[in-house]
Amino acid sequence: MRSLEVPALVDHHCHSVVVADLADGALAGLLTESDRPPAPGTTPFDSALGLAVRRWCPPALGLPVHAPAADYLARRAELGAAEATRRLLAAAGLDTCLVDTGLAEAAGHPLLPLSEFAEAAGARVREVVRLESVAETVSASAGSWPALVREALAASAAGAVAVKSVVAYRHGLAVPAERPAPAAVVAAAGEWLRAGRGRLSHPVLLYHLLWTALDVCAELGLPLQLHTGFGDPDLTLHRADPSLLTDFVRAAEPSGVPLVLLHGYPYHRQAAWLAQAFPLVYTDLGLTASYVGPRVAAVLGEMLELAPFGKLLFSTDAYGLPELYLVGTAQFRHGLGTLLDGWRADGACSAADGRHLARQVAADNARRLYRL
């Protein structure tokens, strides 16, 4: 089963791409979560993700597997960004992409609007609204800010399939189980407005936003996605451990809103436990599947130790580069196929069991959760 045969994939969390002729350094810079220069004498291709790009992407551009990075970049430039993007996205074989629109550019270039991305990917595309981005656009007095934020979120989410929070980046995931008091929210809004607005990082406002999102999602029947685990240096890793959300998860249960824990790594086992313990918690591996390269089957196995098969979702979390879509889908197919081959050889499951599990994670769970 190593070349896993599954229906076209539903990528339940991703971003749009840049279609621009990027300099080699700018392109390679999108192969890392770091926003700092690489160590002297190295490039981002010197990584497990770099190996995965050179494994899966060269054939889509007419090169042999494991073509050197310099040859790959030269061939990409020869084809041009638009043609390379078309080939790489087509090779990914995606059916549906749920795109977080909270980011507007990558490497200094604008990301494709959703309609253009859908055409380039040959996939159906739906929007995931980023909570903090919506809140930062609201112009209001401190007293009217909470109500106007709720109105703005409800309007933005009306045509979306989910709302997403990046509170893990802004303050961490130790979210209290109680809603902030209204007076505290107004006072915090006043502080933020007097400071000139900008990036919203006040913990009281962030917690208020999460509870507001729960209310709006409950009304609209939408899941709430939360970034967990590793990311760029703007994040403090231990504060992004999904187990820190446990009190909030318990408190949110009466809302009936599904909570979707994205990425998780290196706390993916904690995310899997939460999905096992709480009926409304779902999880994925996301960009981790690409970043761990040859270890993808092992890490998938660690998630499936506890995560119910109907609670694990597929995503690439691809951002900026079409390569990350192809790598994400190829790593998933290969990793899950390798894992299930081992299970079947050990007598842990039948071939039919393996196919059913693969269909669930590849697409069926997302279609059910997001009502696609």
Protein backbone atom coordinates (compact mmCIF):
# COMPACT_ATOMS: atom_id res chain seq x y z
CA MET A 1 0.00 0.00 0.00
CA ARG A 2 3.03 2.28 -0.02
CA SER A 3 1.79 4.16 -3.12
CA LEU A 4 -1.44 4.88 -1.31
CA GLU A 5 -4.50 5.05 -3.53
CA VAL A 6 -6.99 7.50 -2.05
CA PRO A 7 -9.56 9.79 -3.63
CA ALA A 8 -8.50 13.36 -4.39
CA LEU A 9 -7.58 15.00 -1.12
CA VAL A 10 -9.44 17.63 0.89
CA ASP A 11 -6.83 20.02 2.28
CA HIS A 12 -8.66 21.41 5.28
CA HIS A 13 -6.08 24.09 6.18
CA CYS A 14 -3.81 25.89 3.74
CA HIS A 15 -2.90 29.29 2.30
CA SER A 16 -2.65 30.76 -1.17
CA VAL A 17 0.53 30.91 -3.27
CA VAL A 18 2.75 33.46 -4.94
CA VAL A 19 2.93 33.40 -8.71
CA ALA A 20 6.00 35.54 -9.21
CA ASP A 21 9.54 34.89 -10.34
CA LEU A 22 11.28 34.69 -6.97
CA ALA A 23 15.01 34.99 -6.51
CA ASP A 24 16.57 31.70 -5.43
CA GLY A 25 17.14 32.96 -1.89
CA ALA A 26 13.56 34.19 -1.52
CA LEU A 27 12.18 30.89 -2.80
CA ALA A 28 14.39 28.84 -0.50
CA GLY A 29 13.40 31.12 2.39
CA LEU A 30 9.84 29.82 2.10
CA LEU A 31 11.13 26.31 2.88
CA THR A 32 11.59 27.16 6.54
CA GLU A 33 9.45 28.55 9.34
CA SER A 34 12.34 30.80 10.35
CA ASP A 35 12.38 34.43 9.27
CA ARG A 36 16.13 34.63 9.92
CA PRO A 37 18.97 33.93 7.45
CA PRO A 38 20.24 30.34 7.34
CA ALA A 39 23.48 29.40 9.05
CA PRO A 40 26.60 30.33 7.07
CA GLY A 41 27.41 27.79 4.39
CA THR A 42 23.90 26.29 4.38
CA THR A 43 20.54 26.85 2.69
CA PRO A 44 17.00 25.79 3.67
CA PHE A 45 17.40 22.91 1.20
CA ASP A 46 19.78 21.39 3.79
CA SER A 47 16.86 19.99 5.80
CA ALA A 48 14.35 17.15 5.89
CA LEU A 49 11.89 19.42 4.09
CA GLY A 50 14.54 20.28 1.49
CA LEU A 51 15.08 16.57 0.85
CA ALA A 52 11.32 16.10 0.49
CA VAL A 53 11.09 18.91 -2.07
CA ARG A 54 13.90 17.34 -4.09
CA ARG A 55 12.24 13.95 -3.80
CA TRP A 56 8.72 14.83 -4.92
CA CYS A 57 8.87 18.03 -6.98
CA PRO A 58 11.52 17.61 -9.73
CA PRO A 59 9.50 15.08 -11.80
CA ALA A 60 6.64 17.59 -12.06
CA LEU A 61 9.09 19.96 -13.75
CA GLY A 62 10.67 17.32 -16.00
CA LEU A 63 13.70 16.54 -13.83
CA PRO A 64 14.80 13.30 -12.14
CA VAL A 65 14.03 12.57 -8.53
CA HIS A 66 16.60 14.12 -6.16
CA ALA A 67 17.84 16.60 -8.76
CA PRO A 68 20.31 18.98 -7.09
CA ALA A 69 18.77 22.13 -5.70
CA ALA A 70 20.67 24.31 -8.19
CA ASP A 71 19.33 22.29 -11.14
CA TYR A 72 15.83 22.43 -9.72
CA LEU A 73 15.90 26.19 -9.25
CA ALA A 74 17.31 26.68 -12.75
CA ARG A 75 14.58 24.54 -14.30
CA ARG A 76 11.91 26.37 -12.33
CA ALA A 77 13.22 29.71 -13.57
CA GLU A 78 13.34 28.38 -17.14
CA LEU A 79 9.68 27.35 -17.02
CA GLY A 80 8.59 30.56 -15.31
CA ALA A 81 6.63 30.88 -12.10
CA ALA A 82 3.18 30.53 -13.67
CA GLU A 83 3.96 27.29 -15.51
CA ALA A 84 5.85 25.80 -12.56
CA THR A 85 2.93 26.64 -10.29
CA ARG A 86 0.45 25.03 -12.67
CA ARG A 87 2.48 21.82 -12.91
CA LEU A 88 3.17 21.52 -9.20
CA LEU A 89 -0.42 22.17 -8.12
CA ALA A 90 -1.77 19.76 -10.75
CA ALA A 91 0.58 17.04 -9.50
CA ALA A 92 -0.74 17.52 -5.95
CA GLY A 93 -4.14 16.11 -6.97
CA LEU A 94 -6.29 18.21 -4.64
CA ASP A 95 -10.07 18.15 -4.78
CA THR A 96 -10.87 20.91 -2.26
CA CYS A 97 -8.79 23.49 -0.39
CA LEU A 98 -9.97 25.37 2.71
CA VAL A 99 -7.83 28.51 2.57
CA ASP A 100 -6.95 30.71 5.54
CA THR A 101 -7.12 34.26 4.16
CA GLY A 102 -5.41 35.89 7.14
CA LEU A 103 -2.10 36.27 5.26
CA ALA A 104 -1.83 38.61 2.30
CA GLU A 105 1.71 38.07 0.98
CA ALA A 106 4.80 35.88 1.01
CA ALA A 107 8.39 36.89 0.30
CA GLY A 108 7.15 40.43 -0.38
CA HIS A 109 4.72 39.35 -3.12
CA PRO A 110 0.92 39.21 -2.92
CA LEU A 111 -0.79 35.85 -2.61
CA LEU A 112 -3.29 34.89 -5.30
CA PRO A 113 -6.90 35.83 -4.56
CA LEU A 114 -9.11 32.83 -3.90
CA SER A 115 -10.68 32.76 -7.38
CA GLU A 116 -7.28 32.80 -9.09
CA PHE A 117 -5.87 30.24 -6.69
CA ALA A 118 -8.83 27.93 -7.38
CA GLU A 119 -8.17 28.19 -11.11
CA ALA A 120 -4.43 27.55 -10.68
CA ALA A 121 -5.01 24.57 -8.37
CA GLY A 122 -7.89 23.09 -10.35
CA ALA A 123 -9.64 22.63 -7.02
CA ARG A 124 -12.73 23.83 -5.24
CA VAL A 125 -11.77 26.53 -2.75
CA ARG A 126 -13.54 27.73 0.40
CA GLU A 127 -12.48 30.39 2.87
CA VAL A 128 -11.32 30.06 6.48
CA VAL A 129 -11.61 33.42 8.27
CA ARG A 130 -8.81 34.42 10.63
CA LEU A 131 -10.26 35.77 13.85
CA GLU A 132 -7.53 38.19 14.88
CA SER A 133 -7.25 39.68 11.39
CA VAL A 134 -10.95 40.53 11.40
CA ALA A 135 -10.75 42.13 14.85
CA GLU A 136 -7.80 44.30 13.86
CA THR A 137 -9.82 45.91 11.05
CA VAL A 138 -12.65 47.12 13.30
CA SER A 139 -12.76 50.85 13.95
CA ALA A 140 -14.70 51.62 17.12
CA SER A 141 -14.60 53.26 20.51
CA ALA A 142 -13.62 51.09 23.44
CA GLY A 143 -17.21 50.75 24.56
CA SER A 144 -18.54 49.69 21.15
CA TRP A 145 -15.55 47.53 20.16
CA PRO A 146 -16.85 44.18 21.52
CA ALA A 147 -20.21 44.42 19.76
CA LEU A 148 -18.74 45.67 16.48
CA VAL A 149 -16.12 42.92 16.48
CA ARG A 150 -18.85 40.34 16.84
CA GLU A 151 -20.79 41.90 13.96
CA ALA A 152 -17.67 41.98 11.77
CA LEU A 153 -16.82 38.36 12.52
CA ALA A 154 -20.37 37.19 11.84
CA ALA A 155 -20.37 39.03 8.51
CA SER A 156 -16.95 37.71 7.48
CA ALA A 157 -17.74 34.13 8.51
CA ALA A 158 -21.16 33.99 6.87
CA GLY A 159 -19.71 32.60 3.64
CA ALA A 160 -16.79 30.72 5.19
CA VAL A 161 -16.38 27.10 6.32
CA ALA A 162 -14.45 27.82 9.54
CA VAL A 163 -12.91 30.46 11.77
CA LYS A 164 -9.25 30.23 12.79
CA SER A 165 -7.36 31.68 15.75
CA VAL A 166 -3.63 32.29 16.12
CA VAL A 167 -3.82 33.00 19.86
CA ALA A 168 -0.89 30.56 20.22
CA TYR A 169 1.30 33.16 18.51
CA ARG A 170 -0.16 36.19 20.24
CA HIS A 171 -0.10 35.03 23.87
CA GLY A 172 -0.17 31.23 24.14
CA LEU A 173 -2.81 28.54 24.61
CA ALA A 174 -3.37 28.73 28.38
CA VAL A 175 -6.82 30.19 27.80
CA PRO A 176 -8.93 30.58 30.97
CA ALA A 177 -12.17 28.64 31.26
CA GLU A 178 -14.17 31.80 32.03
CA ARG A 179 -15.17 34.60 29.69
CA PRO A 180 -13.46 37.91 30.50
CA ALA A 181 -15.72 40.35 32.32
CA PRO A 182 -17.28 42.95 29.98
CA ALA A 183 -15.70 45.83 31.92
CA ALA A 184 -12.27 44.22 31.58
CA VAL A 185 -12.78 43.83 27.81
CA VAL A 186 -13.74 47.49 27.39
CA ALA A 187 -10.76 48.60 29.49
CA ALA A 188 -8.39 46.42 27.45
CA ALA A 189 -9.88 47.71 24.20
CA GLY A 190 -9.24 51.25 25.41
CA GLU A 191 -5.59 50.41 26.11
CA TRP A 192 -5.17 48.86 22.67
CA LEU A 193 -6.83 51.77 20.88
CA ARG A 194 -4.80 54.39 22.76
CA ALA A 195 -1.62 52.50 21.87
CA GLY A 196 -2.42 52.99 18.17
CA ARG A 197 -4.18 49.68 17.44
CA GLY A 198 -1.73 47.54 15.45
CA ARG A 199 -1.17 43.90 16.28
CA LEU A 200 -3.71 42.60 18.75
CA SER A 201 -1.88 40.83 21.57
CA HIS A 202 -3.65 41.89 24.78
CA PRO A 203 -4.62 38.62 26.54
CA VAL A 204 -8.03 39.89 27.67
CA LEU A 205 -8.94 40.86 24.10
CA LEU A 206 -7.61 37.58 22.71
CA TYR A 207 -9.65 35.54 25.19
CA HIS A 208 -12.72 37.65 24.49
CA LEU A 209 -12.22 37.00 20.77
CA LEU A 210 -12.13 33.23 21.31
CA TRP A 211 -15.39 33.29 23.23
CA THR A 212 -16.90 35.59 20.60
CA ALA A 213 -15.78 33.14 17.93
CA LEU A 214 -17.44 30.28 19.82
CA ASP A 215 -20.71 32.22 19.86
CA VAL A 216 -20.55 33.07 16.15
CA CYS A 217 -19.46 29.55 15.18
CA ALA A 218 -22.32 28.07 17.20
CA GLU A 219 -24.80 30.31 15.39
CA LEU A 220 -23.37 29.55 11.94
CA GLY A 221 -22.55 25.87 12.51
CA LEU A 222 -18.81 26.33 11.88
CA PRO A 223 -15.73 24.69 13.43
CA LEU A 224 -13.05 26.78 15.17
CA GLN A 225 -9.47 26.04 14.12
CA LEU A 226 -6.57 26.79 16.47
CA HIS A 227 -2.89 26.85 15.64
CA THR A 228 -0.92 24.61 18.01
CA GLY A 229 2.69 23.46 18.08
CA PHE A 230 5.61 24.77 16.10
CA GLY A 231 5.73 27.80 13.83
CA ASP A 232 7.94 30.79 13.13
CA PRO A 233 10.12 32.55 15.76
CA ASP A 234 7.21 34.84 16.66
CA LEU A 235 5.91 31.90 18.69
CA THR A 236 7.14 30.66 22.08
CA LEU A 237 6.94 26.92 21.61
CA HIS A 238 6.02 25.68 25.08
CA ARG A 239 3.08 28.10 25.16
CA ALA A 240 1.71 26.41 22.02
CA ASP A 241 1.30 22.98 23.65
CA PRO A 242 -2.32 22.03 22.89
CA SER A 243 -2.75 20.41 26.31
CA LEU A 244 -2.78 23.97 27.70
CA LEU A 245 -6.20 24.31 26.08
CA THR A 246 -7.77 21.61 28.25
CA ASP A 247 -9.68 23.95 30.57
CA PHE A 248 -10.97 25.95 27.61
CA VAL A 249 -11.98 22.75 25.80
CA ARG A 250 -14.05 21.67 28.81
CA ALA A 251 -15.65 25.08 29.10
CA ALA A 252 -16.41 25.24 25.37
CA GLU A 253 -18.14 21.84 25.21
CA PRO A 254 -21.67 23.18 25.84
CA SER A 255 -21.36 25.41 22.74
CA GLY A 256 -21.26 22.31 20.51
CA VAL A 257 -18.55 23.95 18.39
CA PRO A 258 -15.89 21.55 17.02
CA LEU A 259 -12.34 22.64 17.92
CA VAL A 260 -9.71 21.70 15.33
CA LEU A 261 -6.12 21.57 16.58
CA LEU A 262 -3.72 22.31 13.74
CA HIS A 263 -0.17 20.91 13.39
CA GLY A 264 0.63 20.12 17.04
CA TYR A 265 4.23 18.98 16.60
CA PRO A 266 6.17 18.27 18.80
CA TYR A 267 3.04 18.03 20.97
CA HIS A 268 1.13 15.93 18.44
CA ARG A 269 0.56 13.18 20.99
CA GLN A 270 -1.11 15.72 23.31
CA ALA A 271 -3.32 16.81 20.41
CA ALA A 272 -4.19 13.18 19.72
CA TRP A 273 -5.11 12.66 23.38
CA LEU A 274 -7.42 15.68 23.33
CA ALA A 275 -9.11 14.32 20.20
CA GLN A 276 -9.51 10.95 21.92
CA ALA A 277 -10.81 12.40 25.19
CA PHE A 278 -13.18 15.13 23.99
CA PRO A 279 -15.86 14.44 21.35
CA LEU A 280 -15.69 17.93 19.82
CA VAL A 281 -11.88 18.01 19.37
CA TYR A 282 -10.30 17.16 16.01
CA THR A 283 -6.66 17.34 14.99
CA ASP A 284 -4.29 17.15 12.05
CA LEU A 285 -0.58 16.83 11.32
CA GLY A 286 -0.49 19.69 8.82
CA LEU A 287 2.86 21.06 7.74
CA THR A 288 4.59 18.67 10.16
CA ALA A 289 4.18 15.90 7.55
CA SER A 290 6.33 17.92 5.16
CA TYR A 291 8.88 19.16 7.67
CA VAL A 292 9.74 15.76 9.16
CA GLY A 293 10.63 14.34 5.73
CA PRO A 294 11.61 10.65 5.95
CA ARG A 295 10.07 10.37 9.44
CA VAL A 296 6.52 11.08 8.26
CA ALA A 297 5.23 7.51 8.69
CA ALA A 298 6.57 7.35 12.25
CA VAL A 299 5.00 10.67 13.25
CA LEU A 300 1.67 9.73 11.67
CA GLY A 301 1.82 6.51 13.65
CA GLU A 302 2.39 8.45 16.85
CA MET A 303 -0.76 10.50 16.19
CA LEU A 304 -2.82 7.43 15.38
CA GLU A 305 -1.77 5.75 18.64
CA LEU A 306 -4.59 7.69 20.32
CA ALA A 307 -6.42 9.88 17.80
CA PRO A 308 -9.66 8.22 16.65
CA PHE A 309 -9.53 7.58 12.92
CA GLY A 310 -12.61 9.76 12.41
CA LYS A 311 -10.97 12.73 14.18
CA LEU A 312 -7.71 13.07 12.20
CA LEU A 313 -7.73 15.39 9.18
CA PHE A 314 -5.39 15.96 6.24
CA SER A 315 -3.83 19.33 5.51
CA THR A 316 -0.69 20.71 3.95
CA ASP A 317 -0.68 24.17 5.57
CA ALA A 318 1.07 25.11 2.32
CA TYR A 319 1.94 28.80 2.14
CA GLY A 320 3.50 30.82 -0.65
CA LEU A 321 5.12 28.00 -2.64
CA PRO A 322 3.18 25.50 -4.77
CA GLU A 323 5.95 23.02 -3.93
CA LEU A 324 4.54 22.81 -0.43
CA TYR A 325 1.23 21.53 -1.78
CA LEU A 326 2.88 18.75 -3.76
CA VAL A 327 5.23 17.84 -0.92
CA GLY A 328 2.37 17.84 1.59
CA THR A 329 0.17 15.54 -0.47
CA ALA A 330 3.01 13.22 -1.51
CA GLN A 331 4.33 12.93 2.05
CA PHE A 332 0.84 12.11 3.32
CA ARG A 333 0.19 9.44 0.71
CA HIS A 334 3.61 7.89 1.15
CA GLY A 335 3.68 8.13 4.93
CA LEU A 336 0.22 6.74 5.52
CA GLY A 337 0.75 4.03 2.92
CA THR A 338 3.99 2.96 4.58
CA LEU A 339 2.37 2.97 8.01
CA LEU A 340 -0.62 0.91 6.90
CA ASP A 341 1.63 -1.54 5.06
CA GLY A 342 3.33 -2.22 8.37
CA TRP A 343 0.06 -2.58 10.22
CA ARG A 344 -1.28 -5.01 7.68
CA ALA A 345 1.95 -7.05 7.62
CA ASP A 346 1.75 -7.28 11.41
CA GLY A 347 -1.86 -8.41 11.27
CA ALA A 348 -3.13 -5.24 12.95
CA CYS A 349 -5.63 -4.46 10.18
CA SER A 350 -6.99 -5.84 6.94
CA ALA A 351 -6.52 -4.23 3.55
CA ALA A 352 -10.15 -3.08 3.71
CA ASP A 353 -9.53 -1.50 7.14
CA GLY A 354 -6.54 0.37 5.73
CA ARG A 355 -8.47 1.69 2.75
CA HIS A 356 -11.29 2.85 5.00
CA LEU A 357 -8.90 4.66 7.36
CA ALA A 358 -7.14 6.32 4.42
CA ARG A 359 -10.42 7.59 2.96
CA GLN A 360 -11.48 8.97 6.33
CA VAL A 361 -8.31 10.97 6.90
CA ALA A 362 -7.80 12.02 3.28
CA ALA A 363 -11.22 13.54 2.72
CA ASP A 364 -14.25 12.04 4.44
CA ASN A 365 -13.58 13.48 7.90
CA ALA A 366 -13.16 16.99 6.47
CA ARG A 367 -16.26 16.70 4.31
CA ARG A 368 -18.31 15.70 7.33
CA LEU A 369 -16.82 18.26 9.73
CA TYR A 370 -17.03 21.24 7.39
CA ARG A 371 -20.28 20.13 5.73
CA LEU A 372 -18.70 20.20 2.27
